[in-house]
Amino acid sequence: MDFMSKYKNYTKEQLIAKITQLESKKNYGLVWDDEKEPENVVLECQNNIPILKKIEDKTIHTDENKPNNILIEGDNYHALQVLNYTHKGQVDVIYIDPPYNTGNKDFKYNDSFVDKEDGYRHSKWLNFMSKRLKLAHNLLKDSGIIFISIDDNEVYNLKLVCDDIFGERNFIVNLPTIMNLKGNNDQFGFAGTHEFTLAYSKNITEAKINLYEVDEEIVLSKWEEDEYGFYKQGANLKATGVDGAKEKRPNLFFPIFINECNEVYITNNNQALNQNDKIILPISDGKDMRWRWSKNKIKNELHNIVVSGDSLYKKQRPDLGDLPSKKPKSIFYKPEYSSGNGTTLLKDLFDDKVFSNPKPLMLIKDLIFLGSHKNSIILDFFAGSGTTGHAILDLNQDGGNRQFILCTNNENDICTDVTYPRLSKVINGYTTPKGVAVGGLGGNLDYYKTDLVPTDGISNISDTTREELTKKAGNMIAIKENTHAMIELNEHYQIFKNETSSKQTAIYFTEDLSHFDELIQKITPHKTKLYIFSFGKIDKSSYKYLGKNFEIEDIPEPIIEIYKEINKEGVL
C-alpha cells in the first residue's frame, strides 16, 4: 500500500487532524515503523464488515441459570471489531497471552513467521499489538482491568505502548511471575525462572484489586501457651485422641515460626531463621500431636495465612472477623504456577501434547479473581488452548455467574481440535488417560465464526450492502442483547430469546412493512428490543403505539458508524 492510498478516504478535517497529531508528537515515547508492511487483516476490513455466524451444532447448554459463554473462531482483529458493537464498555477483565515475539516461530505477521533476523521484527509486533489493544481498551468498563502475560523480548516495548493507550496513570503493576523455579538453563548467564504479567486499569480511580480472602481453615489465631511454647488448637491439628498423636504421623510434627513482622514461615531443618522468632508446635495438654497439613501444603498456602500482632497473647486475641485480608504480593508465585502444570493438565484432557506452553490454570484463576467479581464478563482474545475459559468455569463453582468471551483463530485446527473440545470436556466431564473420571463443571457455550460482508469501501456502503448486513447481523445483535437462542428466521424477520427470561429480540429486515404486523403478533406480549431496518435514522415516535414492552432501535446504521470510526486508521 503506497502513502497516498492509505489516506484516500480521509475527509479534509481528518487530514488536518492527522497533520496536527504528527506535528505535535512529543520527543519522549515509543515510535516505530507502521508503513512498510501493513497488516492484511486490517486492509481487509477497509472493504469488508466483520460479522458472526453461529455454529448451532457446537452449542453446549447444561444449566439455564448460568450465562452463555462465547467462543469465537476467527482472526481476533475481526472479533474485536464485532465486540466493539456488542460489548463496548461492558468488559470487567481482559486477560491475554499474546505471542512473545521470540523469533522462534511464535509470531506470525501476514501469514509469515517473524524471525530474529527480520529488521522490522519489533515494529511488526508493535503494529500488531497496538491495533488490538486500542480496540480492547474500548471494551473495558471504567472499572475494568487488563492483564497481559509477556516475557523479556517485548515487555519494555509493551509497557510504553500500554502507557500510551491506557494512560501512564492507569498502570497498576508489572508482576514478575515465577513459572519455573529450576530455571531455563538455555539462557546466557542466568537460568530464567520468570515471565511478567503487566496490569493496567481503564480508570485507576474506578478500578479495584481484590484481596485474598482469609480461609478459616488456615488462619493461625487463638493460640495457647504452655511450658513448651505456643501451640494451635483447632482447624489444622487433631487436638485430642490417639488419631491426632505424633506417633501416627511423625512427619506432621514440626514447628511453624512467626517473625517480628508477624510473617509466617517454616524451614526444612526445623530451625528458626532468627533466635527471637516465635515457635508454634502442635502440642495439646502436654502431648505431642500433629498438624493436619504437611510442610508442602503450608508452603503452598502461605499467602492465605494471617497472624495478627496481638494473636499470640491470650488476653488480646482477635476474632476471625477482625483479621485482615491479604494483599497480593508484587512478585507472583505459587508452585501451581509452574508452566509444566499447564502441559500436564492438557495431557490429562487429550493424552497427547496438543498445544505448546499452555498457561497453568491456577495462574489464570488467581489473576481473574483479583480483577473480577462473581458476575463479571471476562475476555481473552488470544485464547489458545482455552485455559481462561477453563479457569472461569472453575471459579464459578463458588456460585458465581462469570461469563467468558474467548477469541482464537483456527491455525493448525487449534480452535476445533483443542479449545472447543477442552471446554466441552470441562463442562460435561471426562476421563483421564489413566481412567480417572473427572466430573463436569457445568455451564453453557455458544460457538461462533467470524465472517465478512463485502463493501465497496467502508465509507461508501451501498443500499444493497445495508440490506445484506441487516440480514446477517442477527447473531451480533442477539449477543448484544443477551438473547442467544434463535426461535425463528425467515426472509422478513428474525426472533431471538433469552431462555431464562421472557426477554426477546426481533429484527425486521426491510423497509417493506407488509409482514411487520405478523412479527408483532408473534412477539406480543413479551418485553422486546425491536431492530427495524432503515437507510438512515427512523422516527421512533411513530412506533409508540406498540406499547411499553417494545424498545425500538435502528439497524444497520449503528454498526456501520462504529466500523467507520475503527477503520479511519485501522483502529478507533
Protein backbone atom coordinates (compact mmCIF):
# COMPACT_ATOMS: atom_id res chain seq x y z
CA MET A 1 0.00 0.00 0.00
CA ASP A 2 1.52 3.34 -1.02
CA PHE A 3 1.48 6.51 1.08
CA MET A 4 -1.43 8.16 -0.75
CA SER A 5 -3.79 5.19 -0.80
CA LYS A 6 -3.76 4.97 2.98
CA TYR A 7 -5.34 8.41 3.28
CA LYS A 8 -7.57 8.41 0.19
CA ASN A 9 -10.80 8.04 2.21
CA TYR A 10 -9.92 10.80 4.69
CA THR A 11 -12.02 13.95 4.75
CA LYS A 12 -10.34 17.36 4.81
CA GLU A 13 -10.99 17.57 8.56
CA GLN A 14 -9.44 14.15 9.18
CA LEU A 15 -6.34 15.04 7.19
CA ILE A 16 -5.93 18.26 9.16
CA ALA A 17 -6.33 16.34 12.41
CA LYS A 18 -3.71 13.80 11.28
CA ILE A 19 -1.20 16.51 10.35
CA THR A 20 -1.81 18.24 13.70
CA GLN A 21 -1.24 14.96 15.52
CA LEU A 22 2.01 14.25 13.68
CA GLU A 23 3.37 17.76 14.21
CA SER A 24 2.54 17.71 17.91
CA LYS A 25 4.35 14.42 18.62
CA LYS A 26 6.42 14.61 21.78
CA ASN A 27 10.05 13.56 21.79
CA TYR A 28 9.55 11.10 24.65
CA GLY A 29 7.83 7.84 23.85
CA LEU A 30 7.95 4.87 21.55
CA VAL A 31 7.99 5.40 17.79
CA TRP A 32 8.03 2.51 15.35
CA ASP A 33 7.53 1.95 11.64
CA ASP A 34 3.99 1.05 10.64
CA GLU A 35 4.15 1.86 6.96
CA LYS A 36 6.37 -0.76 5.35
CA GLU A 37 4.09 -3.77 5.59
CA PRO A 38 0.52 -3.07 6.78
CA GLU A 39 -1.43 -5.99 8.17
CA ASN A 40 -3.54 -7.75 5.57
CA VAL A 41 -6.37 -8.27 8.03
CA VAL A 42 -6.54 -4.52 8.68
CA LEU A 43 -6.60 -3.70 4.96
CA GLU A 44 -9.29 -6.35 4.53
CA CYS A 45 -11.56 -4.52 6.94
CA GLN A 46 -11.46 -1.38 4.83
CA ASN A 47 -13.59 -3.20 2.24
CA ASN A 48 -15.44 -5.71 4.40
CA ILE A 49 -17.60 -5.60 7.53
CA PRO A 50 -16.94 -8.39 10.09
CA ILE A 51 -19.95 -10.30 11.42
CA LEU A 52 -20.55 -13.56 13.30
CA LYS A 53 -22.08 -16.85 12.19
CA LYS A 54 -23.34 -19.20 14.89
CA ILE A 55 -22.38 -22.87 14.65
CA GLU A 56 -25.51 -24.37 16.16
CA ASP A 57 -24.29 -27.98 16.40
CA LYS A 58 -21.47 -26.88 18.74
CA THR A 59 -23.82 -25.27 21.26
CA ILE A 60 -23.49 -26.65 24.79
CA HIS A 61 -26.22 -25.95 27.34
CA THR A 62 -26.23 -27.67 30.74
CA ASP A 63 -27.62 -25.01 33.07
CA GLU A 64 -30.22 -22.43 32.13
CA ASN A 65 -29.35 -20.40 35.21
CA LYS A 66 -25.76 -19.84 34.06
CA PRO A 67 -24.62 -17.26 31.47
CA ASN A 68 -23.95 -18.09 27.83
CA ASN A 69 -20.20 -18.19 27.36
CA ILE A 70 -18.89 -17.35 23.89
CA LEU A 71 -16.14 -18.90 21.77
CA ILE A 72 -15.30 -17.03 18.54
CA GLU A 73 -13.25 -18.75 15.87
CA GLY A 74 -11.54 -16.25 13.61
CA ASP A 75 -8.91 -13.54 13.48
CA ASN A 76 -9.05 -11.57 16.71
CA TYR A 77 -8.91 -8.26 14.82
CA HIS A 78 -12.23 -9.17 13.19
CA ALA A 79 -13.63 -10.42 16.50
CA LEU A 80 -12.62 -7.25 18.34
CA GLN A 81 -14.40 -5.13 15.74
CA VAL A 82 -17.58 -7.15 16.31
CA LEU A 83 -17.19 -6.84 20.08
CA ASN A 84 -16.88 -3.06 19.73
CA TYR A 85 -20.52 -3.22 18.66
CA THR A 86 -21.74 -5.87 21.11
CA HIS A 87 -19.70 -5.13 24.26
CA LYS A 88 -18.30 -1.62 24.17
CA GLY A 89 -17.68 -0.51 27.77
CA GLN A 90 -19.01 -3.77 29.25
CA VAL A 91 -15.99 -5.99 29.94
CA ASP A 92 -14.68 -6.26 33.51
CA VAL A 93 -11.42 -8.14 32.92
CA ILE A 94 -9.27 -8.86 29.90
CA TYR A 95 -6.55 -11.47 30.12
CA ILE A 96 -4.31 -12.14 27.12
CA ASP A 97 -1.24 -14.24 26.46
CA PRO A 98 -0.08 -12.81 23.10
CA PRO A 99 2.85 -14.09 21.03
CA TYR A 100 6.08 -13.12 22.77
CA ASN A 101 7.97 -12.38 19.52
CA THR A 102 10.94 -14.52 20.49
CA GLY A 103 11.98 -15.02 16.88
CA ASN A 104 11.42 -18.76 17.27
CA LYS A 105 8.29 -19.12 15.12
CA ASP A 106 5.87 -17.95 17.81
CA PHE A 107 4.61 -14.84 15.97
CA LYS A 108 3.08 -14.64 12.51
CA TYR A 109 2.61 -11.40 10.63
CA ASN A 110 0.76 -11.53 7.31
CA ASP A 111 0.95 -15.34 7.32
CA SER A 112 4.74 -15.46 7.72
CA PHE A 113 6.70 -16.20 10.87
CA VAL A 114 8.82 -13.29 12.07
CA ASP A 115 12.37 -14.45 12.83
CA LYS A 116 15.22 -12.85 14.74
CA GLU A 117 16.86 -11.59 11.58
CA ASP A 118 13.85 -9.51 10.49
CA GLY A 119 14.86 -5.85 10.74
CA TYR A 120 11.23 -4.86 11.36
CA ARG A 121 10.61 -7.60 13.92
CA HIS A 122 9.68 -5.28 16.79
CA SER A 123 7.80 -2.83 14.57
CA LYS A 124 5.61 -5.60 13.18
CA TRP A 125 4.79 -6.83 16.68
CA LEU A 126 4.05 -3.34 17.97
CA ASN A 127 1.86 -2.59 14.97
CA PHE A 128 0.02 -5.87 15.51
CA MET A 129 -0.47 -5.38 19.26
CA SER A 130 -1.30 -1.68 19.35
CA LYS A 131 -4.25 -2.04 16.98
CA ARG A 132 -5.75 -4.82 19.07
CA LEU A 133 -5.09 -3.12 22.39
CA LYS A 134 -6.82 0.06 21.21
CA LEU A 135 -9.90 -1.95 20.27
CA ALA A 136 -9.70 -3.82 23.59
CA HIS A 137 -9.43 -0.54 25.52
CA ASN A 138 -12.87 0.45 24.21
CA LEU A 139 -14.40 -2.75 25.56
CA LEU A 140 -13.37 -2.27 29.20
CA LYS A 141 -15.66 -0.73 31.76
CA ASP A 142 -14.26 2.31 33.55
CA SER A 143 -13.53 -0.09 36.43
CA GLY A 144 -12.07 -2.71 34.07
CA ILE A 145 -8.58 -4.21 34.26
CA ILE A 146 -6.37 -5.87 31.65
CA PHE A 147 -3.69 -8.46 32.46
CA ILE A 148 -1.09 -9.29 29.81
CA SER A 149 1.44 -12.13 30.01
CA ILE A 150 4.74 -11.31 28.34
CA ASP A 151 8.48 -12.04 28.59
CA ASP A 152 11.71 -10.09 28.20
CA ASN A 153 11.55 -9.84 24.40
CA GLU A 154 8.81 -7.19 24.35
CA VAL A 155 7.93 -6.32 27.95
CA TYR A 156 9.52 -2.87 27.84
CA ASN A 157 8.02 -2.01 24.45
CA LEU A 158 4.65 -3.26 25.67
CA LYS A 159 4.85 -1.08 28.77
CA LEU A 160 5.33 2.04 26.64
CA VAL A 161 2.53 1.07 24.25
CA CYS A 162 0.16 0.47 27.18
CA ASP A 163 1.19 3.78 28.76
CA ASP A 164 0.09 5.42 25.52
CA ILE A 165 -3.18 3.50 25.07
CA PHE A 166 -4.36 3.13 28.67
CA GLY A 167 -2.55 6.12 30.13
CA GLU A 168 0.52 6.03 32.36
CA ARG A 169 -1.60 6.96 35.38
CA ASN A 170 -3.65 3.78 34.88
CA PHE A 171 -0.66 1.49 35.21
CA ILE A 172 -1.20 -0.92 38.13
CA VAL A 173 1.78 -3.25 38.29
CA ASN A 174 4.29 -5.28 36.32
CA LEU A 175 4.37 -8.61 38.13
CA PRO A 176 7.40 -10.85 37.76
CA THR A 177 5.60 -14.18 37.56
CA ILE A 178 7.61 -17.24 38.60
CA MET A 179 6.93 -20.03 36.09
CA ASN A 180 9.83 -22.41 36.71
CA LEU A 181 11.89 -22.47 39.91
CA LYS A 182 14.54 -24.69 38.32
CA GLY A 183 15.13 -22.07 35.65
CA ASN A 184 15.79 -22.18 31.95
CA ASN A 185 19.41 -23.20 31.56
CA ASP A 186 19.38 -22.34 27.85
CA GLN A 187 19.60 -18.65 28.72
CA PHE A 188 23.00 -16.98 28.74
CA GLY A 189 24.43 -16.23 32.15
CA PHE A 190 21.29 -16.80 34.24
CA ALA A 191 18.71 -19.58 34.49
CA GLY A 192 15.45 -17.76 33.74
CA THR A 193 12.63 -18.51 36.15
CA HIS A 194 10.01 -15.90 35.37
CA GLU A 195 7.85 -14.10 32.87
CA PHE A 196 5.88 -10.90 33.52
CA THR A 197 2.23 -10.01 33.98
CA LEU A 198 1.51 -6.42 33.04
CA ALA A 199 -1.68 -4.93 34.54
CA TYR A 200 -3.50 -1.71 33.58
CA SER A 201 -6.86 -0.26 34.50
CA LYS A 202 -9.26 1.65 32.29
CA ASN A 203 -9.60 4.25 35.02
CA ILE A 204 -7.43 3.86 38.12
CA THR A 205 -9.92 5.79 40.28
CA GLU A 206 -12.65 3.25 39.47
CA ALA A 207 -10.61 0.03 39.47
CA LYS A 208 -10.31 -2.42 42.34
CA ILE A 209 -7.86 -5.24 43.00
CA ASN A 210 -9.43 -7.85 45.25
CA LEU A 211 -7.68 -9.05 48.38
CA TYR A 212 -7.04 -12.69 49.06
CA GLU A 213 -9.76 -13.87 51.38
CA VAL A 214 -8.66 -15.42 54.64
CA ASP A 215 -9.51 -19.11 54.74
CA GLU A 216 -10.79 -20.07 58.18
CA GLU A 217 -9.11 -23.45 57.84
CA ILE A 218 -5.64 -21.94 57.74
CA VAL A 219 -5.85 -18.82 59.87
CA LEU A 220 -3.28 -19.10 62.64
CA SER A 221 -5.14 -17.46 65.51
CA LYS A 222 -6.35 -18.36 69.01
CA TRP A 223 -3.01 -19.63 70.28
CA GLU A 224 -2.41 -21.35 73.58
CA GLU A 225 0.84 -21.27 75.50
CA ASP A 226 2.43 -23.66 77.97
CA GLU A 227 5.94 -24.61 79.06
CA TYR A 228 6.64 -25.92 75.56
CA GLY A 229 5.77 -22.66 73.82
CA PHE A 230 2.82 -21.56 71.67
CA TYR A 231 0.53 -24.12 70.08
CA LYS A 232 -2.63 -24.18 67.97
CA GLN A 233 -5.88 -25.89 68.91
CA GLY A 234 -8.41 -26.16 66.14
CA ALA A 235 -8.55 -26.37 62.39
CA ASN A 236 -5.10 -27.60 61.44
CA LEU A 237 -4.32 -30.30 64.01
CA LYS A 238 -6.11 -33.08 65.78
CA ALA A 239 -6.40 -31.62 69.26
CA THR A 240 -7.32 -34.78 71.13
CA GLY A 241 -7.37 -38.52 70.75
CA VAL A 242 -4.88 -41.09 69.59
CA ASP A 243 -5.65 -40.34 65.90
CA GLY A 244 -4.03 -36.97 66.32
CA ALA A 245 -0.93 -38.22 68.05
CA LYS A 246 2.57 -37.54 66.80
CA GLU A 247 3.36 -41.25 66.75
CA LYS A 248 0.90 -41.89 63.94
CA ARG A 249 2.44 -39.34 61.54
CA PRO A 250 5.71 -38.02 62.98
CA ASN A 251 6.41 -36.15 59.72
CA LEU A 252 3.49 -33.86 60.56
CA PHE A 253 5.09 -32.78 63.84
CA PHE A 254 7.19 -29.72 63.03
CA PRO A 255 7.46 -26.10 64.15
CA ILE A 256 5.87 -23.11 62.47
CA PHE A 257 7.65 -19.81 63.03
CA ILE A 258 6.47 -16.21 63.25
CA ASN A 259 8.98 -13.39 62.94
CA GLU A 260 8.79 -9.90 64.43
CA CYS A 261 6.89 -8.68 61.34
CA ASN A 262 4.20 -11.32 62.04
CA GLU A 263 5.20 -13.23 58.92
CA VAL A 264 4.64 -16.97 59.00
CA TYR A 265 7.25 -19.40 57.71
CA ILE A 266 8.56 -22.96 58.04
CA THR A 267 12.05 -24.33 57.41
CA ASN A 268 13.39 -27.61 56.09
CA ASN A 269 15.67 -28.12 59.10
CA ASN A 270 13.04 -27.05 61.64
CA GLN A 271 15.30 -24.24 62.88
CA ALA A 272 14.17 -20.63 63.23
CA LEU A 273 15.79 -18.06 60.95
CA ASN A 274 16.14 -15.67 63.86
CA GLN A 275 16.52 -16.54 67.54
CA ASN A 276 13.76 -14.18 68.60
CA ASP A 277 11.16 -15.64 66.23
CA LYS A 278 8.23 -17.32 67.98
CA ILE A 279 7.84 -21.10 67.69
CA ILE A 280 4.47 -22.82 67.32
CA LEU A 281 4.14 -26.58 67.84
CA PRO A 282 1.13 -28.93 67.62
CA ILE A 283 1.10 -29.72 71.34
CA SER A 284 -2.11 -30.13 73.29
CA ASP A 285 -2.39 -30.75 77.04
CA GLY A 286 1.31 -31.52 77.14
CA LYS A 287 1.02 -34.19 74.45
CA ASP A 288 2.84 -34.15 71.11
CA MET A 289 0.14 -34.05 68.44
CA ARG A 290 0.40 -33.39 64.69
CA TRP A 291 -0.61 -30.79 62.11
CA ARG A 292 -3.25 -31.76 59.62
CA TRP A 293 -1.25 -30.15 56.84
CA SER A 294 2.15 -31.19 55.52
CA LYS A 295 5.00 -28.73 55.05
CA ASN A 296 4.32 -28.59 51.32
CA LYS A 297 0.65 -27.80 51.90
CA ILE A 298 1.51 -24.99 54.28
CA LYS A 299 4.12 -23.60 51.87
CA ASN A 300 1.54 -23.55 49.06
CA GLU A 301 -0.96 -21.69 51.21
CA LEU A 302 1.33 -19.19 52.94
CA HIS A 303 -0.30 -16.32 51.04
CA ASN A 304 -3.55 -17.08 52.92
CA ILE A 305 -2.06 -17.46 56.42
CA VAL A 306 -2.65 -14.40 58.57
CA VAL A 307 -1.32 -13.69 62.05
CA SER A 308 -2.40 -10.57 63.86
CA GLY A 309 0.25 -8.92 66.03
CA ASP A 310 -1.88 -9.48 69.11
CA SER A 311 -2.99 -13.02 68.30
CA LEU A 312 -0.13 -14.58 70.27
CA TYR A 313 -1.39 -13.29 73.59
CA LYS A 314 -4.31 -14.84 75.41
CA LYS A 315 -5.97 -11.61 76.52
CA GLN A 316 -5.86 -9.87 73.13
CA ARG A 317 -6.74 -12.50 70.55
CA PRO A 318 -8.98 -11.10 67.78
CA ASP A 319 -11.96 -12.96 66.43
CA LEU A 320 -11.65 -14.28 62.90
CA GLY A 321 -13.64 -11.38 61.53
CA ASP A 322 -11.08 -8.92 62.87
CA LEU A 323 -8.22 -10.43 60.88
CA PRO A 324 -7.12 -8.53 57.79
CA SER A 325 -7.29 -9.93 54.27
CA LYS A 326 -4.04 -10.26 52.35
CA LYS A 327 -2.88 -8.05 49.52
CA PRO A 328 -1.38 -9.96 46.59
CA LYS A 329 2.39 -9.61 46.51
CA SER A 330 4.21 -7.81 43.68
CA ILE A 331 6.17 -10.96 42.83
CA PHE A 332 3.62 -13.53 41.76
CA TYR A 333 4.30 -17.11 42.73
CA LYS A 334 2.70 -20.37 43.75
CA PRO A 335 4.05 -23.84 42.97
CA GLU A 336 0.92 -24.34 40.85
CA TYR A 337 2.09 -21.55 38.52
CA SER A 338 4.76 -23.86 37.12
CA SER A 339 4.48 -23.90 33.34
CA GLY A 340 4.62 -27.70 33.44
CA ASN A 341 1.27 -27.80 35.23
CA GLY A 342 -0.50 -26.38 32.19
CA THR A 343 1.02 -29.07 29.97
CA THR A 344 0.16 -31.84 32.46
CA LEU A 345 -3.46 -30.74 32.61
CA LEU A 346 -3.80 -30.78 28.81
CA LYS A 347 -2.31 -34.26 28.71
CA ASP A 348 -5.00 -35.38 31.16
CA LEU A 349 -7.58 -33.94 28.78
CA PHE A 350 -6.11 -35.14 25.48
CA ASP A 351 -3.49 -37.85 26.22
CA ASP A 352 -1.06 -36.06 23.93
CA LYS A 353 0.82 -32.81 23.51
CA VAL A 354 -1.75 -30.79 21.59
CA PHE A 355 -0.55 -27.26 22.42
CA SER A 356 2.81 -25.78 23.34
CA ASN A 357 3.24 -23.91 26.61
CA PRO A 358 -0.36 -23.59 27.84
CA LYS A 359 -0.71 -21.28 30.81
CA PRO A 360 -1.22 -23.01 34.20
CA LEU A 361 -4.82 -22.99 35.34
CA MET A 362 -4.13 -21.63 38.83
CA LEU A 363 -2.30 -18.57 37.50
CA ILE A 364 -5.23 -17.54 35.33
CA LYS A 365 -7.74 -18.27 38.11
CA ASP A 366 -5.83 -16.03 40.50
CA LEU A 367 -5.47 -13.15 38.03
CA ILE A 368 -9.17 -13.24 37.16
CA PHE A 369 -10.12 -13.47 40.84
CA LEU A 370 -8.02 -10.41 41.65
CA GLY A 371 -9.69 -8.26 38.98
CA SER A 372 -13.29 -9.52 38.87
CA HIS A 373 -16.46 -10.14 40.81
CA LYS A 374 -18.93 -13.03 40.66
CA ASN A 375 -20.92 -11.57 37.74
CA SER A 376 -18.03 -10.28 35.66
CA ILE A 377 -17.55 -10.51 31.90
CA ILE A 378 -14.03 -11.70 31.06
CA LEU A 379 -12.42 -11.52 27.61
CA ASP A 380 -9.40 -13.38 26.22
CA PHE A 381 -8.69 -12.62 22.55
CA PHE A 382 -5.57 -14.80 22.38
CA ALA A 383 -7.40 -17.82 23.78
CA GLY A 384 -5.07 -20.61 22.60
CA SER A 385 -5.98 -23.86 24.33
CA GLY A 386 -8.79 -22.24 26.34
CA THR A 387 -7.22 -22.02 29.80
CA THR A 388 -9.09 -18.77 30.53
CA GLY A 389 -12.46 -20.40 29.84
CA HIS A 390 -11.49 -23.40 31.98
CA ALA A 391 -10.42 -21.07 34.81
CA ILE A 392 -13.72 -19.19 34.77
CA LEU A 393 -15.80 -22.36 34.76
CA ASP A 394 -13.77 -23.48 37.77
CA LEU A 395 -14.13 -20.15 39.57
CA ASN A 396 -17.90 -20.31 39.07
CA GLN A 397 -18.04 -23.28 41.43
CA ASP A 398 -18.32 -20.62 44.14
CA GLY A 399 -21.85 -19.91 42.87
CA GLY A 400 -20.70 -17.11 40.59
CA ASN A 401 -22.03 -16.25 37.14
CA ARG A 402 -18.85 -15.03 35.49
CA GLN A 403 -19.12 -15.08 31.69
CA PHE A 404 -16.20 -15.57 29.31
CA ILE A 405 -15.65 -14.50 25.72
CA LEU A 406 -12.77 -16.31 24.03
CA CYS A 407 -11.38 -15.47 20.59
CA THR A 408 -8.85 -17.57 18.70
CA ASN A 409 -8.04 -18.31 15.11
CA ASN A 410 -8.07 -21.89 13.83
CA GLU A 411 -4.44 -22.11 12.80
CA ASN A 412 -3.41 -25.78 12.91
CA ASP A 413 -7.04 -26.53 13.87
CA ILE A 414 -6.42 -25.22 17.39
CA CYS A 415 -9.97 -23.96 17.93
CA THR A 416 -11.80 -27.00 16.58
CA ASP A 417 -9.38 -29.64 17.90
CA VAL A 418 -8.24 -28.19 21.23
CA THR A 419 -10.07 -25.07 22.51
CA TYR A 420 -13.62 -26.25 21.88
CA PRO A 421 -13.05 -29.91 22.90
CA ARG A 422 -11.32 -28.79 26.09
CA LEU A 423 -14.21 -26.55 27.10
CA SER A 424 -16.70 -29.28 26.20
CA LYS A 425 -14.87 -31.80 28.40
CA VAL A 426 -14.57 -29.40 31.30
CA ILE A 427 -18.28 -28.57 31.12
CA ASN A 428 -19.54 -32.13 30.63
CA GLY A 429 -16.87 -34.18 32.40
CA TYR A 430 -14.22 -36.51 31.02
CA THR A 431 -11.99 -39.48 31.81
CA THR A 432 -8.21 -39.06 32.02
CA PRO A 433 -5.84 -41.39 30.13
CA LYS A 434 -5.30 -43.20 33.46
CA GLY A 435 -9.01 -43.93 33.72
CA VAL A 436 -9.85 -41.31 36.36
CA ALA A 437 -13.34 -39.88 35.93
CA VAL A 438 -13.45 -36.10 36.30
CA GLY A 439 -16.87 -34.56 36.88
CA GLY A 440 -18.10 -31.76 34.68
CA LEU A 441 -18.18 -28.21 36.00
CA GLY A 442 -21.37 -27.35 34.11
CA GLY A 443 -22.05 -24.22 32.11
CA ASN A 444 -23.08 -23.09 28.65
CA LEU A 445 -21.14 -22.36 25.47
CA ASP A 446 -22.06 -20.81 22.13
CA TYR A 447 -19.66 -21.23 19.20
CA TYR A 448 -19.33 -18.54 16.51
CA LYS A 449 -17.17 -17.99 13.44
CA THR A 450 -16.23 -14.62 12.05
CA ASP A 451 -17.41 -13.81 8.52
CA LEU A 452 -17.27 -10.77 6.24
CA VAL A 453 -19.87 -8.73 4.39
CA PRO A 454 -18.17 -7.23 1.29
CA THR A 455 -18.48 -3.49 0.64
CA ASP A 456 -17.28 -1.00 -1.94
CA GLY A 457 -15.30 0.70 0.80
CA ILE A 458 -16.25 1.32 4.40
CA SER A 459 -17.06 4.96 3.61
CA ASN A 460 -19.26 4.04 0.64
CA ILE A 461 -21.84 1.48 1.83
CA SER A 462 -24.47 0.74 -0.82
CA ASP A 463 -28.15 0.18 -0.09
CA THR A 464 -27.78 -3.45 -1.13
CA THR A 465 -24.93 -3.91 1.36
CA ARG A 466 -27.04 -2.32 4.09
CA GLU A 467 -29.81 -4.84 3.48
CA GLU A 468 -27.36 -7.75 3.42
CA LEU A 469 -25.70 -6.58 6.63
CA THR A 470 -29.07 -6.35 8.38
CA LYS A 471 -29.93 -9.93 7.47
CA LYS A 472 -26.52 -11.21 8.61
CA ALA A 473 -26.14 -9.16 11.80
CA GLY A 474 -28.64 -11.17 13.82
CA ASN A 475 -26.11 -13.11 15.89
CA MET A 476 -24.22 -9.92 16.77
CA ILE A 477 -27.46 -8.26 17.88
CA ALA A 478 -28.50 -11.36 19.85
CA ILE A 479 -25.18 -11.32 21.72
CA LYS A 480 -25.51 -7.58 22.35
CA GLU A 481 -28.97 -8.10 23.85
CA ASN A 482 -28.12 -11.35 25.69
CA THR A 483 -30.84 -13.24 23.83
CA HIS A 484 -28.78 -16.06 22.36
CA ALA A 485 -31.39 -18.62 21.30
CA MET A 486 -32.90 -18.12 17.83
CA ILE A 487 -36.54 -19.18 17.69
CA GLU A 488 -37.48 -18.09 14.16
CA LEU A 489 -35.85 -16.92 10.92
CA ASN A 490 -37.49 -16.17 7.59
CA GLU A 491 -36.89 -13.78 4.73
CA HIS A 492 -38.67 -10.92 6.52
CA TYR A 493 -37.55 -11.09 10.15
CA GLN A 494 -35.65 -12.95 12.85
CA ILE A 495 -36.52 -13.58 16.52
CA PHE A 496 -34.22 -14.46 19.44
CA LYS A 497 -34.98 -15.07 23.11
CA ASN A 498 -33.27 -15.33 26.46
CA GLU A 499 -34.06 -18.81 27.74
CA THR A 500 -34.09 -17.76 31.40
CA SER A 501 -36.44 -14.81 30.95
CA SER A 502 -39.21 -13.64 28.69
CA LYS A 503 -36.97 -11.08 27.00
CA GLN A 504 -36.82 -11.27 23.20
CA THR A 505 -35.00 -9.54 20.38
CA ALA A 506 -36.53 -9.13 16.93
CA ILE A 507 -35.02 -7.83 13.70
CA TYR A 508 -37.17 -6.67 10.79
CA PHE A 509 -35.11 -6.84 7.59
CA THR A 510 -36.59 -4.39 5.04
CA GLU A 511 -38.39 -1.10 4.58
CA ASP A 512 -41.35 -3.06 3.21
CA LEU A 513 -43.63 -3.33 6.27
CA SER A 514 -46.11 -5.80 4.80
CA HIS A 515 -45.02 -8.50 7.29
CA PHE A 516 -44.43 -6.19 10.23
CA ASP A 517 -47.78 -6.81 11.96
CA GLU A 518 -47.19 -10.54 11.59
CA LEU A 519 -43.94 -10.18 13.51
CA ILE A 520 -45.56 -8.08 16.24
CA GLN A 521 -48.27 -10.71 16.78
CA LYS A 522 -45.62 -13.38 17.32
CA ILE A 523 -43.71 -11.50 19.99
CA THR A 524 -46.54 -9.81 21.91
CA PRO A 525 -46.72 -9.54 24.95
CA HIS A 526 -43.04 -10.22 25.70
CA LYS A 527 -40.56 -7.48 26.53
CA THR A 528 -38.73 -6.99 23.22
CA LYS A 529 -35.91 -4.97 21.72
CA LEU A 530 -37.08 -4.41 18.15
CA TYR A 531 -34.50 -3.56 15.47
CA ILE A 532 -36.07 -2.07 12.36
CA PHE A 533 -34.24 -1.66 9.07
CA SER A 534 -33.74 1.86 7.80
CA PHE A 535 -31.45 3.58 5.30
CA GLY A 536 -30.98 6.30 7.89
CA LYS A 537 -32.48 7.24 11.25
CA ILE A 538 -36.02 6.06 11.87
CA ASP A 539 -38.70 8.06 13.66
CA LYS A 540 -39.04 6.01 16.84
CA SER A 541 -42.05 8.04 17.97
CA SER A 542 -44.11 6.52 15.15
CA TYR A 543 -43.88 3.15 16.94
CA LYS A 544 -45.17 4.32 20.31
CA TYR A 545 -48.47 2.59 19.58
CA LEU A 546 -46.73 -0.75 20.18
CA GLY A 547 -46.64 -0.03 23.91
CA LYS A 548 -44.07 -0.13 26.69
CA ASN A 549 -42.95 -3.70 26.02
CA PHE A 550 -41.18 -2.58 22.85
CA GLU A 551 -37.92 -0.67 22.62
CA ILE A 552 -37.05 0.45 19.08
CA GLU A 553 -33.55 0.54 17.58
CA ASP A 554 -32.11 1.39 14.15
CA ILE A 555 -30.32 -1.18 12.02
CA PRO A 556 -27.79 -1.28 10.33
CA GLU A 557 -26.55 2.32 10.72
CA PRO A 558 -25.14 1.99 14.28
CA ILE A 559 -22.96 -0.96 13.17
CA ILE A 560 -21.72 0.92 10.12
CA GLU A 561 -20.85 4.01 12.15
CA ILE A 562 -18.73 2.01 14.59
CA TYR A 563 -16.86 0.31 11.74
CA LYS A 564 -16.29 3.64 10.01
CA GLU A 565 -14.68 5.01 13.16
CA ILE A 566 -12.50 1.93 13.60
CA ASN A 567 -11.27 1.96 10.02
CA LYS A 568 -10.31 5.61 9.70
CA GLU A 569 -6.82 4.48 10.65
CA GLY A 570 -7.36 0.80 11.34
CA VAL A 571 -8.47 1.42 14.94
CA LEU A 572 -10.60 3.78 16.99
